[in-house]
PDB file of N, CA and C in Angstrom:
ATOM      1  N   UNK A   1       4.825 -15.066 -13.149  1.00  0.00           N
ATOM      2  CA  UNK A   1       5.625 -14.032 -13.747  1.00  0.00           C
ATOM      3  C   UNK A   1       6.732 -14.728 -14.524  1.00  0.00           C
ATOM      4  N   UNK A   2       6.996 -14.271 -15.718  1.00  0.00           N
ATOM      5  CA  UNK A   2       8.113 -14.802 -16.479  1.00  0.00           C
ATOM      6  C   UNK A   2       9.000 -13.650 -16.909  1.00  0.00           C
ATOM      7  N   UNK A   3      10.274 -13.946 -17.129  1.00  0.00           N
ATOM      8  CA  UNK A   3      11.191 -12.900 -17.553  1.00  0.00           C
ATOM      9  C   UNK A   3      12.373 -13.512 -18.278  1.00  0.00           C
ATOM     10  N   UNK A   4      13.066 -12.685 -19.006  1.00  0.00           N
ATOM     11  CA  UNK A   4      14.290 -13.070 -19.684  1.00  0.00           C
ATOM     12  C   UNK A   4      15.430 -12.339 -19.010  1.00  0.00           C
ATOM     13  N   UNK A   5      16.614 -12.920 -19.039  1.00  0.00           N
ATOM     14  CA  UNK A   5      17.751 -12.212 -18.465  1.00  0.00           C
ATOM     15  C   UNK A   5      19.021 -12.552 -19.232  1.00  0.00           C
ATOM     16  N   UNK A   6      20.010 -11.721 -19.082  1.00  0.00           N
ATOM     17  CA  UNK A   6      21.317 -11.949 -19.682  1.00  0.00           C
ATOM     18  C   UNK A   6      22.360 -11.370 -18.743  1.00  0.00           C
ATOM     19  N   UNK A   7      23.587 -11.772 -18.921  1.00  0.00           N
ATOM     20  CA  UNK A   7      24.678 -11.266 -18.093  1.00  0.00           C
ATOM     21  C   UNK A   7      25.706 -10.572 -18.965  1.00  0.00           C
ATOM     22  N   UNK A   8      26.305  -9.528 -18.413  1.00  0.00           N
ATOM     23  CA  UNK A   8      27.380  -8.819 -19.105  1.00  0.00           C
ATOM     24  C   UNK A   8      28.318  -8.267 -18.051  1.00  0.00           C
ATOM     25  N   UNK A   9      29.557  -8.676 -18.088  1.00  0.00           N
ATOM     26  CA  UNK A   9      30.531  -8.161 -17.131  1.00  0.00           C
ATOM     27  C   UNK A   9      30.175  -8.450 -15.688  1.00  0.00           C
ATOM     28  N   UNK A  10      29.545  -9.593 -15.425  1.00  0.00           N
ATOM     29  CA  UNK A  10      29.192  -9.947 -14.061  1.00  0.00           C
ATOM     30  C   UNK A  10      27.917  -9.295 -13.560  1.00  0.00           C
ATOM     31  N   UNK A  11      27.236  -8.516 -14.403  1.00  0.00           N
ATOM     32  CA  UNK A  11      25.996  -7.852 -14.013  1.00  0.00           C
ATOM     33  C   UNK A  11      24.843  -8.552 -14.707  1.00  0.00           C
ATOM     34  N   UNK A  12      23.821  -8.900 -13.951  1.00  0.00           N
ATOM     35  CA  UNK A  12      22.637  -9.526 -14.535  1.00  0.00           C
ATOM     36  C   UNK A  12      21.633  -8.464 -14.925  1.00  0.00           C
ATOM     37  N   UNK A  13      21.098  -8.588 -16.114  1.00  0.00           N
ATOM     38  CA  UNK A  13      20.069  -7.678 -16.593  1.00  0.00           C
ATOM     39  C   UNK A  13      18.784  -8.470 -16.764  1.00  0.00           C
ATOM     40  N   UNK A  14      17.701  -7.963 -16.230  1.00  0.00           N
ATOM     41  CA  UNK A  14      16.397  -8.594 -16.406  1.00  0.00           C
ATOM     42  C   UNK A  14      15.582  -7.683 -17.304  1.00  0.00           C
ATOM     43  N   UNK A  15      15.008  -8.255 -18.345  1.00  0.00           N
ATOM     44  CA  UNK A  15      14.216  -7.445 -19.254  1.00  0.00           C
ATOM     45  C   UNK A  15      12.982  -8.224 -19.685  1.00  0.00           C
ATOM     46  N   UNK A  16      11.984  -7.498 -20.120  1.00  0.00           N
ATOM     47  CA  UNK A  16      10.779  -8.124 -20.623  1.00  0.00           C
ATOM     48  C   UNK A  16      10.010  -8.905 -19.581  1.00  0.00           C
ATOM     49  N   UNK A  17      10.008  -8.465 -18.355  1.00  0.00           N
ATOM     50  CA  UNK A  17       9.276  -9.150 -17.295  1.00  0.00           C
ATOM     51  C   UNK A  17       7.781  -9.040 -17.587  1.00  0.00           C
ATOM     52  N   UNK A  18       7.100 -10.167 -17.668  1.00  0.00           N
ATOM     53  CA  UNK A  18       5.703 -10.171 -18.088  1.00  0.00           C
ATOM     54  C   UNK A  18       4.831 -10.797 -17.004  1.00  0.00           C
ATOM     55  N   UNK A  19       3.776 -10.108 -16.643  1.00  0.00           N
ATOM     56  CA  UNK A  19       2.763 -10.675 -15.757  1.00  0.00           C
ATOM     57  C   UNK A  19       1.726 -11.360 -16.630  1.00  0.00           C
ATOM     58  N   UNK A  20       1.467 -12.630 -16.368  1.00  0.00           N
ATOM     59  CA  UNK A  20       0.502 -13.364 -17.176  1.00  0.00           C
ATOM     60  C   UNK A  20      -0.844 -13.395 -16.474  1.00  0.00           C
ATOM     61  N   UNK A  21      -1.909 -13.459 -17.245  1.00  0.00           N
ATOM     62  CA  UNK A  21      -3.246 -13.526 -16.694  1.00  0.00           C
ATOM     63  C   UNK A  21      -3.803 -12.150 -16.386  1.00  0.00           C
ATOM     64  N   UNK A  22      -4.831 -12.115 -15.563  1.00  0.00           N
ATOM     65  CA  UNK A  22      -5.518 -10.860 -15.272  1.00  0.00           C
ATOM     66  C   UNK A  22      -5.304 -10.405 -13.839  1.00  0.00           C
ATOM     67  N   UNK A  23      -4.253 -10.856 -13.204  1.00  0.00           N
ATOM     68  CA  UNK A  23      -3.949 -10.477 -11.821  1.00  0.00           C
ATOM     69  C   UNK A  23      -3.660  -8.988 -11.769  1.00  0.00           C
ATOM     70  N   UNK A  24      -4.176  -8.301 -10.760  1.00  0.00           N
ATOM     71  CA  UNK A  24      -3.891  -6.874 -10.617  1.00  0.00           C
ATOM     72  C   UNK A  24      -2.403  -6.697 -10.385  1.00  0.00           C
ATOM     73  N   UNK A  25      -1.778  -5.914 -11.226  1.00  0.00           N
ATOM     74  CA  UNK A  25      -0.319  -5.792 -11.226  1.00  0.00           C
ATOM     75  C   UNK A  25       0.248  -5.358  -9.879  1.00  0.00           C
ATOM     76  N   UNK A  26      -0.270  -4.324  -9.292  1.00  0.00           N
ATOM     77  CA  UNK A  26       0.317  -3.796  -8.064  1.00  0.00           C
ATOM     78  C   UNK A  26       0.230  -4.804  -6.930  1.00  0.00           C
ATOM     79  N   UNK A  27      -0.907  -5.439  -6.739  1.00  0.00           N
ATOM     80  CA  UNK A  27      -1.055  -6.418  -5.661  1.00  0.00           C
ATOM     81  C   UNK A  27      -0.136  -7.612  -5.867  1.00  0.00           C
ATOM     82  N   UNK A  28      -0.073  -8.096  -7.082  1.00  0.00           N
ATOM     83  CA  UNK A  28       0.770  -9.246  -7.384  1.00  0.00           C
ATOM     84  C   UNK A  28       2.243  -8.910  -7.181  1.00  0.00           C
ATOM     85  N   UNK A  29       2.649  -7.781  -7.702  1.00  0.00           N
ATOM     86  CA  UNK A  29       4.054  -7.386  -7.606  1.00  0.00           C
ATOM     87  C   UNK A  29       4.444  -7.148  -6.160  1.00  0.00           C
ATOM     88  N   UNK A  30       3.605  -6.471  -5.386  1.00  0.00           N
ATOM     89  CA  UNK A  30       3.903  -6.245  -3.966  1.00  0.00           C
ATOM     90  C   UNK A  30       4.154  -7.567  -3.247  1.00  0.00           C
ATOM     91  N   UNK A  31       3.312  -8.544  -3.500  1.00  0.00           N
ATOM     92  CA  UNK A  31       3.455  -9.843  -2.842  1.00  0.00           C
ATOM     93  C   UNK A  31       4.775 -10.497  -3.229  1.00  0.00           C
ATOM     94  N   UNK A  32       5.113 -10.461  -4.503  1.00  0.00           N
ATOM     95  CA  UNK A  32       6.358 -11.070  -4.966  1.00  0.00           C
ATOM     96  C   UNK A  32       7.582 -10.314  -4.450  1.00  0.00           C
ATOM     97  N   UNK A  33       7.532  -8.999  -4.524  1.00  0.00           N
ATOM     98  CA  UNK A  33       8.683  -8.194  -4.116  1.00  0.00           C
ATOM     99  C   UNK A  33       8.923  -8.239  -2.614  1.00  0.00           C
ATOM    100  N   UNK A  34       7.857  -8.368  -1.836  1.00  0.00           N
ATOM    101  CA  UNK A  34       8.006  -8.340  -0.377  1.00  0.00           C
ATOM    102  C   UNK A  34       8.853  -9.499   0.143  1.00  0.00           C
ATOM    103  N   UNK A  35       9.104 -10.482  -0.683  1.00  0.00           N
ATOM    104  CA  UNK A  35       9.949 -11.620  -0.295  1.00  0.00           C
ATOM    105  C   UNK A  35      11.439 -11.273  -0.328  1.00  0.00           C
ATOM    106  N   UNK A  36      11.772 -10.145  -0.898  1.00  0.00           N
ATOM    107  CA  UNK A  36      13.176  -9.788  -1.095  1.00  0.00           C
ATOM    108  C   UNK A  36      13.597  -8.663  -0.159  1.00  0.00           C
ATOM    109  N   UNK A  37      14.803  -8.771   0.375  1.00  0.00           N
ATOM    110  CA  UNK A  37      15.292  -7.764   1.327  1.00  0.00           C
ATOM    111  C   UNK A  37      15.514  -6.407   0.680  1.00  0.00           C
ATOM    112  N   UNK A  38      15.653  -6.332  -0.635  1.00  0.00           N
ATOM    113  CA  UNK A  38      15.889  -5.057  -1.304  1.00  0.00           C
ATOM    114  C   UNK A  38      14.600  -4.291  -1.588  1.00  0.00           C
ATOM    115  N   UNK A  39      13.432  -4.907  -1.339  1.00  0.00           N
ATOM    116  CA  UNK A  39      12.161  -4.195  -1.527  1.00  0.00           C
ATOM    117  C   UNK A  39      11.766  -3.550  -0.210  1.00  0.00           C
ATOM    118  N   UNK A  40      11.489  -2.254  -0.247  1.00  0.00           N
ATOM    119  CA  UNK A  40      11.204  -1.511   0.981  1.00  0.00           C
ATOM    120  C   UNK A  40       9.812  -0.897   1.014  1.00  0.00           C
ATOM    121  N   UNK A  41       8.941  -1.229   0.071  1.00  0.00           N
ATOM    122  CA  UNK A  41       7.602  -0.660   0.075  1.00  0.00           C
ATOM    123  C   UNK A  41       7.649   0.836  -0.169  1.00  0.00           C
ATOM    124  N   UNK A  42       6.781   1.568   0.510  1.00  0.00           N
ATOM    125  CA  UNK A  42       6.721   3.022   0.328  1.00  0.00           C
ATOM    126  C   UNK A  42       7.835   3.671   1.153  1.00  0.00           C
ATOM    127  N   UNK A  43       8.764   4.305   0.468  1.00  0.00           N
ATOM    128  CA  UNK A  43       9.872   5.010   1.116  1.00  0.00           C
ATOM    129  C   UNK A  43      10.043   6.341   0.399  1.00  0.00           C
ATOM    130  N   UNK A  44       9.988   7.454   1.124  1.00  0.00           N
ATOM    131  CA  UNK A  44      10.215   8.752   0.483  1.00  0.00           C
ATOM    132  C   UNK A  44      11.627   8.851  -0.100  1.00  0.00           C
ATOM    133  N   UNK A  45      11.753   9.605  -1.154  1.00  0.00           N
ATOM    134  CA  UNK A  45      13.032   9.815  -1.834  1.00  0.00           C
ATOM    135  C   UNK A  45      14.118  10.254  -0.852  1.00  0.00           C
ATOM    136  N   UNK A  46      13.785  11.189   0.023  1.00  0.00           N
ATOM    137  CA  UNK A  46      14.788  11.708   0.964  1.00  0.00           C
ATOM    138  C   UNK A  46      15.290  10.616   1.911  1.00  0.00           C
ATOM    139  N   UNK A  47      14.413   9.700   2.320  1.00  0.00           N
ATOM    140  CA  UNK A  47      14.835   8.596   3.186  1.00  0.00           C
ATOM    141  C   UNK A  47      15.779   7.649   2.448  1.00  0.00           C
ATOM    142  N   UNK A  48      15.521   7.424   1.163  1.00  0.00           N
ATOM    143  CA  UNK A  48      16.406   6.568   0.357  1.00  0.00           C
ATOM    144  C   UNK A  48      17.813   7.120   0.342  1.00  0.00           C
ATOM    145  N   UNK A  49      17.911   8.409   0.202  1.00  0.00           N
ATOM    146  CA  UNK A  49      19.223   9.035   0.108  1.00  0.00           C
ATOM    147  C   UNK A  49      20.018   8.855   1.394  1.00  0.00           C
ATOM    148  N   UNK A  50      19.326   8.751   2.527  1.00  0.00           N
ATOM    149  CA  UNK A  50      20.001   8.496   3.801  1.00  0.00           C
ATOM    150  C   UNK A  50      20.338   7.013   3.973  1.00  0.00           C
ATOM    151  N   UNK A  51      19.513   6.124   3.421  1.00  0.00           N
ATOM    152  CA  UNK A  51      19.701   4.684   3.579  1.00  0.00           C
ATOM    153  C   UNK A  51      20.840   4.138   2.723  1.00  0.00           C
ATOM    154  N   UNK A  52      21.011   4.691   1.530  1.00  0.00           N
ATOM    155  CA  UNK A  52      21.995   4.172   0.586  1.00  0.00           C
ATOM    156  C   UNK A  52      23.321   4.890   0.789  1.00  0.00           C
ATOM    157  N   UNK A  53      24.268   4.219   1.381  1.00  0.00           N
ATOM    158  CA  UNK A  53      25.531   4.850   1.786  1.00  0.00           C
ATOM    159  C   UNK A  53      26.679   4.628   0.804  1.00  0.00           C
ATOM    160  N   UNK A  54      26.801   3.422   0.257  1.00  0.00           N
ATOM    161  CA  UNK A  54      27.960   3.072  -0.567  1.00  0.00           C
ATOM    162  C   UNK A  54      27.561   2.898  -2.024  1.00  0.00           C
ATOM    163  N   UNK A  55      28.474   3.229  -2.935  1.00  0.00           N
ATOM    164  CA  UNK A  55      28.220   2.991  -4.353  1.00  0.00           C
ATOM    165  C   UNK A  55      27.857   1.523  -4.552  1.00  0.00           C
ATOM    166  N   UNK A  56      26.796   1.273  -5.306  1.00  0.00           N
ATOM    167  CA  UNK A  56      26.313  -0.086  -5.536  1.00  0.00           C
ATOM    168  C   UNK A  56      25.143  -0.471  -4.651  1.00  0.00           C
ATOM    169  N   UNK A  57      24.916   0.251  -3.542  1.00  0.00           N
ATOM    170  CA  UNK A  57      23.739   0.000  -2.708  1.00  0.00           C
ATOM    171  C   UNK A  57      22.491   0.355  -3.508  1.00  0.00           C
ATOM    172  N   UNK A  58      21.439  -0.435  -3.361  1.00  0.00           N
ATOM    173  CA  UNK A  58      20.195  -0.133  -4.063  1.00  0.00           C
ATOM    174  C   UNK A  58      19.013  -0.683  -3.278  1.00  0.00           C
ATOM    175  N   UNK A  59      17.836  -0.187  -3.639  1.00  0.00           N
ATOM    176  CA  UNK A  59      16.587  -0.725  -3.137  1.00  0.00           C
ATOM    177  C   UNK A  59      15.509  -0.466  -4.175  1.00  0.00           C
ATOM    178  N   UNK A  60      14.447  -1.241  -4.077  1.00  0.00           N
ATOM    179  CA  UNK A  60      13.270  -1.030  -4.918  1.00  0.00           C
ATOM    180  C   UNK A  60      12.185  -0.536  -3.990  1.00  0.00           C
ATOM    181  N   UNK A  61      11.479   0.506  -4.412  1.00  0.00           N
ATOM    182  CA  UNK A  61      10.464   1.103  -3.549  1.00  0.00           C
ATOM    183  C   UNK A  61       9.226   1.458  -4.352  1.00  0.00           C
ATOM    184  N   UNK A  62       8.145   1.652  -3.620  1.00  0.00           N
ATOM    185  CA  UNK A  62       6.908   2.145  -4.220  1.00  0.00           C
ATOM    186  C   UNK A  62       6.853   3.644  -4.019  1.00  0.00           C
ATOM    187  N   UNK A  63       6.241   4.303  -4.964  1.00  0.00           N
ATOM    188  CA  UNK A  63       6.026   5.732  -4.857  1.00  0.00           C
ATOM    189  C   UNK A  63       4.681   6.048  -5.492  1.00  0.00           C
ATOM    190  N   UNK A  64       4.198   7.226  -5.264  1.00  0.00           N
ATOM    191  CA  UNK A  64       2.936   7.650  -5.861  1.00  0.00           C
ATOM    192  C   UNK A  64       3.171   8.942  -6.620  1.00  0.00           C
ATOM    193  N   UNK A  65       2.826   8.923  -7.894  1.00  0.00           N
ATOM    194  CA  UNK A  65       2.961  10.099  -8.746  1.00  0.00           C
ATOM    195  C   UNK A  65       1.568  10.453  -9.247  1.00  0.00           C
ATOM    196  N   UNK A  66       1.082  11.624  -8.846  1.00  0.00           N
ATOM    197  CA  UNK A  66      -0.261  12.074  -9.222  1.00  0.00           C
ATOM    198  C   UNK A  66      -1.314  11.022  -8.873  1.00  0.00           C
ATOM    199  N   UNK A  67      -1.151  10.383  -7.706  1.00  0.00           N
ATOM    200  CA  UNK A  67      -2.124   9.406  -7.244  1.00  0.00           C
ATOM    201  C   UNK A  67      -1.991   8.029  -7.873  1.00  0.00           C
ATOM    202  N   UNK A  68      -0.989   7.830  -8.723  1.00  0.00           N
ATOM    203  CA  UNK A  68      -0.776   6.542  -9.376  1.00  0.00           C
ATOM    204  C   UNK A  68       0.416   5.851  -8.720  1.00  0.00           C
ATOM    205  N   UNK A  69       0.223   4.600  -8.293  1.00  0.00           N
ATOM    206  CA  UNK A  69       1.307   3.845  -7.672  1.00  0.00           C
ATOM    207  C   UNK A  69       2.313   3.437  -8.729  1.00  0.00           C
ATOM    208  N   UNK A  70       3.583   3.695  -8.443  1.00  0.00           N
ATOM    209  CA  UNK A  70       4.662   3.325  -9.347  1.00  0.00           C
ATOM    210  C   UNK A  70       5.778   2.700  -8.535  1.00  0.00           C
ATOM    211  N   UNK A  71       6.695   2.069  -9.236  1.00  0.00           N
ATOM    212  CA  UNK A  71       7.870   1.481  -8.607  1.00  0.00           C
ATOM    213  C   UNK A  71       9.107   2.214  -9.092  1.00  0.00           C
ATOM    214  N   UNK A  72      10.134   2.205  -8.263  1.00  0.00           N
ATOM    215  CA  UNK A  72      11.347   2.942  -8.567  1.00  0.00           C
ATOM    216  C   UNK A  72      12.538   2.170  -8.007  1.00  0.00           C
ATOM    217  N   UNK A  73      13.620   2.139  -8.764  1.00  0.00           N
ATOM    218  CA  UNK A  73      14.879   1.608  -8.252  1.00  0.00           C
ATOM    219  C   UNK A  73      15.698   2.805  -7.813  1.00  0.00           C
ATOM    220  N   UNK A  74      16.076   2.826  -6.562  1.00  0.00           N
ATOM    221  CA  UNK A  74      16.949   3.880  -6.041  1.00  0.00           C
ATOM    222  C   UNK A  74      18.301   3.238  -5.797  1.00  0.00           C
ATOM    223  N   UNK A  75      19.349   3.842  -6.353  1.00  0.00           N
ATOM    224  CA  UNK A  75      20.680   3.244  -6.273  1.00  0.00           C
ATOM    225  C   UNK A  75      21.739   4.308  -6.027  1.00  0.00           C
ATOM    226  N   UNK A  76      22.761   3.904  -5.304  1.00  0.00           N
ATOM    227  CA  UNK A  76      23.908   4.781  -5.057  1.00  0.00           C
ATOM    228  C   UNK A  76      24.901   4.553  -6.193  1.00  0.00           C
ATOM    229  N   UNK A  77      25.203   5.603  -6.935  1.00  0.00           N
ATOM    230  CA  UNK A  77      26.076   5.514  -8.101  1.00  0.00           C
ATOM    231  C   UNK A  77      26.910   6.777  -8.192  1.00  0.00           C
ATOM    232  N   UNK A  78      28.210   6.624  -8.306  1.00  0.00           N
ATOM    233  CA  UNK A  78      29.089   7.788  -8.461  1.00  0.00           C
ATOM    234  C   UNK A  78      28.929   8.768  -7.299  1.00  0.00           C
ATOM    235  N   UNK A  79      28.791   8.221  -6.086  1.00  0.00           N
ATOM    236  CA  UNK A  79      28.625   9.017  -4.862  1.00  0.00           C
ATOM    237  C   UNK A  79      27.387   9.903  -4.868  1.00  0.00           C
ATOM    238  N   UNK A  80      26.358   9.464  -5.575  1.00  0.00           N
ATOM    239  CA  UNK A  80      25.086  10.184  -5.621  1.00  0.00           C
ATOM    240  C   UNK A  80      23.971   9.140  -5.655  1.00  0.00           C
ATOM    241  N   UNK A  81      22.787   9.489  -5.178  1.00  0.00           N
ATOM    242  CA  UNK A  81      21.651   8.575  -5.224  1.00  0.00           C
ATOM    243  C   UNK A  81      20.817   8.883  -6.455  1.00  0.00           C
ATOM    244  N   UNK A  82      20.583   7.858  -7.261  1.00  0.00           N
ATOM    245  CA  UNK A  82      19.810   7.977  -8.497  1.00  0.00           C
ATOM    246  C   UNK A  82      18.483   7.258  -8.307  1.00  0.00           C
ATOM    247  N   UNK A  83      17.438   7.804  -8.900  1.00  0.00           N
ATOM    248  CA  UNK A  83      16.098   7.227  -8.797  1.00  0.00           C
ATOM    249  C   UNK A  83      15.622   6.921 -10.213  1.00  0.00           C
ATOM    250  N   UNK A  84      15.470   5.642 -10.516  1.00  0.00           N
ATOM    251  CA  UNK A  84      15.124   5.198 -11.865  1.00  0.00           C
ATOM    252  C   UNK A  84      13.727   4.590 -11.837  1.00  0.00           C
ATOM    253  N   UNK A  85      12.769   5.219 -12.512  1.00  0.00           N
ATOM    254  CA  UNK A  85      11.409   4.680 -12.517  1.00  0.00           C
ATOM    255  C   UNK A  85      11.316   3.376 -13.308  1.00  0.00           C
ATOM    256  N   UNK A  86      10.468   2.487 -12.818  1.00  0.00           N
ATOM    257  CA  UNK A  86      10.185   1.233 -13.503  1.00  0.00           C
ATOM    258  C   UNK A  86       8.793   1.383 -14.096  1.00  0.00           C
ATOM    259  N   UNK A  87       8.677   1.220 -15.399  1.00  0.00           N
ATOM    260  CA  UNK A  87       7.381   1.411 -16.053  1.00  0.00           C
ATOM    261  C   UNK A  87       6.733   0.062 -16.365  1.00  0.00           C
ATOM    262  N   UNK A  88       5.405   0.077 -16.407  1.00  0.00           N
ATOM    263  CA  UNK A  88       4.631  -1.115 -16.735  1.00  0.00           C
ATOM    264  C   UNK A  88       3.680  -0.743 -17.859  1.00  0.00           C
ATOM    265  N   UNK A  89       3.848  -1.372 -18.993  1.00  0.00           N
ATOM    266  CA  UNK A  89       2.970  -1.120 -20.138  1.00  0.00           C
ATOM    267  C   UNK A  89       2.878  -2.392 -20.972  1.00  0.00           C
ATOM    268  N   UNK A  90       1.705  -2.678 -21.449  1.00  0.00           N
ATOM    269  CA  UNK A  90       1.471  -3.855 -22.294  1.00  0.00           C
ATOM    270  C   UNK A  90       1.997  -5.131 -21.635  1.00  0.00           C
ATOM    271  N   UNK A  91       1.725  -5.247 -20.327  1.00  0.00           N
ATOM    272  CA  UNK A  91       2.098  -6.424 -19.538  1.00  0.00           C
ATOM    273  C   UNK A  91       3.605  -6.649 -19.469  1.00  0.00           C
ATOM    274  N   UNK A  92       4.387  -5.573 -19.614  1.00  0.00           N
ATOM    275  CA  UNK A  92       5.843  -5.683 -19.562  1.00  0.00           C
ATOM    276  C   UNK A  92       6.423  -4.609 -18.658  1.00  0.00           C
ATOM    277  N   UNK A  93       7.362  -4.978 -17.785  1.00  0.00           N
ATOM    278  CA  UNK A  93       8.074  -4.051 -16.916  1.00  0.00           C
ATOM    279  C   UNK A  93       9.346  -3.629 -17.621  1.00  0.00           C
ATOM    280  N   UNK A  94       9.651  -2.338 -17.591  1.00  0.00           N
ATOM    281  CA  UNK A  94      10.825  -1.823 -18.299  1.00  0.00           C
ATOM    282  C   UNK A  94      11.493  -0.699 -17.532  1.00  0.00           C
ATOM    283  N   UNK A  95      12.766  -0.521 -17.808  1.00  0.00           N
ATOM    284  CA  UNK A  95      13.516   0.652 -17.363  1.00  0.00           C
ATOM    285  C   UNK A  95      13.774   1.461 -18.624  1.00  0.00           C
ATOM    286  N   UNK A  96      13.130   2.597 -18.735  1.00  0.00           N
ATOM    287  CA  UNK A  96      13.271   3.426 -19.929  1.00  0.00           C
ATOM    288  C   UNK A  96      14.163   4.619 -19.645  1.00  0.00           C
ATOM    289  N   UNK A  97      14.940   5.004 -20.624  1.00  0.00           N
ATOM    290  CA  UNK A  97      15.790   6.200 -20.520  1.00  0.00           C
ATOM    291  C   UNK A  97      16.667   6.188 -19.273  1.00  0.00           C
ATOM    292  N   UNK A  98      17.247   5.047 -18.966  1.00  0.00           N
ATOM    293  CA  UNK A  98      18.070   4.917 -17.762  1.00  0.00           C
ATOM    294  C   UNK A  98      19.204   5.927 -17.764  1.00  0.00           C
ATOM    295  N   UNK A  99      19.838   6.132 -18.907  1.00  0.00           N
ATOM    296  CA  UNK A  99      20.984   7.051 -18.964  1.00  0.00           C
ATOM    297  C   UNK A  99      20.591   8.466 -18.561  1.00  0.00           C
ATOM    298  N   UNK A 100      19.345   8.831 -18.739  1.00  0.00           N
ATOM    299  CA  UNK A 100      18.875  10.162 -18.341  1.00  0.00           C
ATOM    300  C   UNK A 100      18.934  10.350 -16.827  1.00  0.00           C
ATOM    301  N   UNK A 101      18.834   9.260 -16.100  1.00  0.00           N
ATOM    302  CA  UNK A 101      18.812   9.320 -14.637  1.00  0.00           C
ATOM    303  C   UNK A 101      20.189   9.154 -14.011  1.00  0.00           C
ATOM    304  N   UNK A 102      21.202   8.895 -14.829  1.00  0.00           N
ATOM    305  CA  UNK A 102      22.553   8.663 -14.285  1.00  0.00           C
ATOM    306  C   UNK A 102      23.412   9.880 -14.325  1.00  0.00           C
TER     307      UNK A 102
END
């Protein structure tokens, strides 16, 4: 996996994350993400809202939408829990329309 990143105001942004080769995306990503304490696998939205207590708390989770496995960043922001979908298209992971979810 390769990616580019930049920093702004002490916050790291990762963009253009690319999976190389023909590895099945979900299996590969699960294996990589499971190494991190912020990845929680399949967690219902309602459980996330109970887990994330303080502004800035976040986790990455798997979800299923219409039978399709997707990933989501759930974060505590402005005393509310926000759920931001992570999309995968053309071998690139992206956060689209983030402001819509804030």
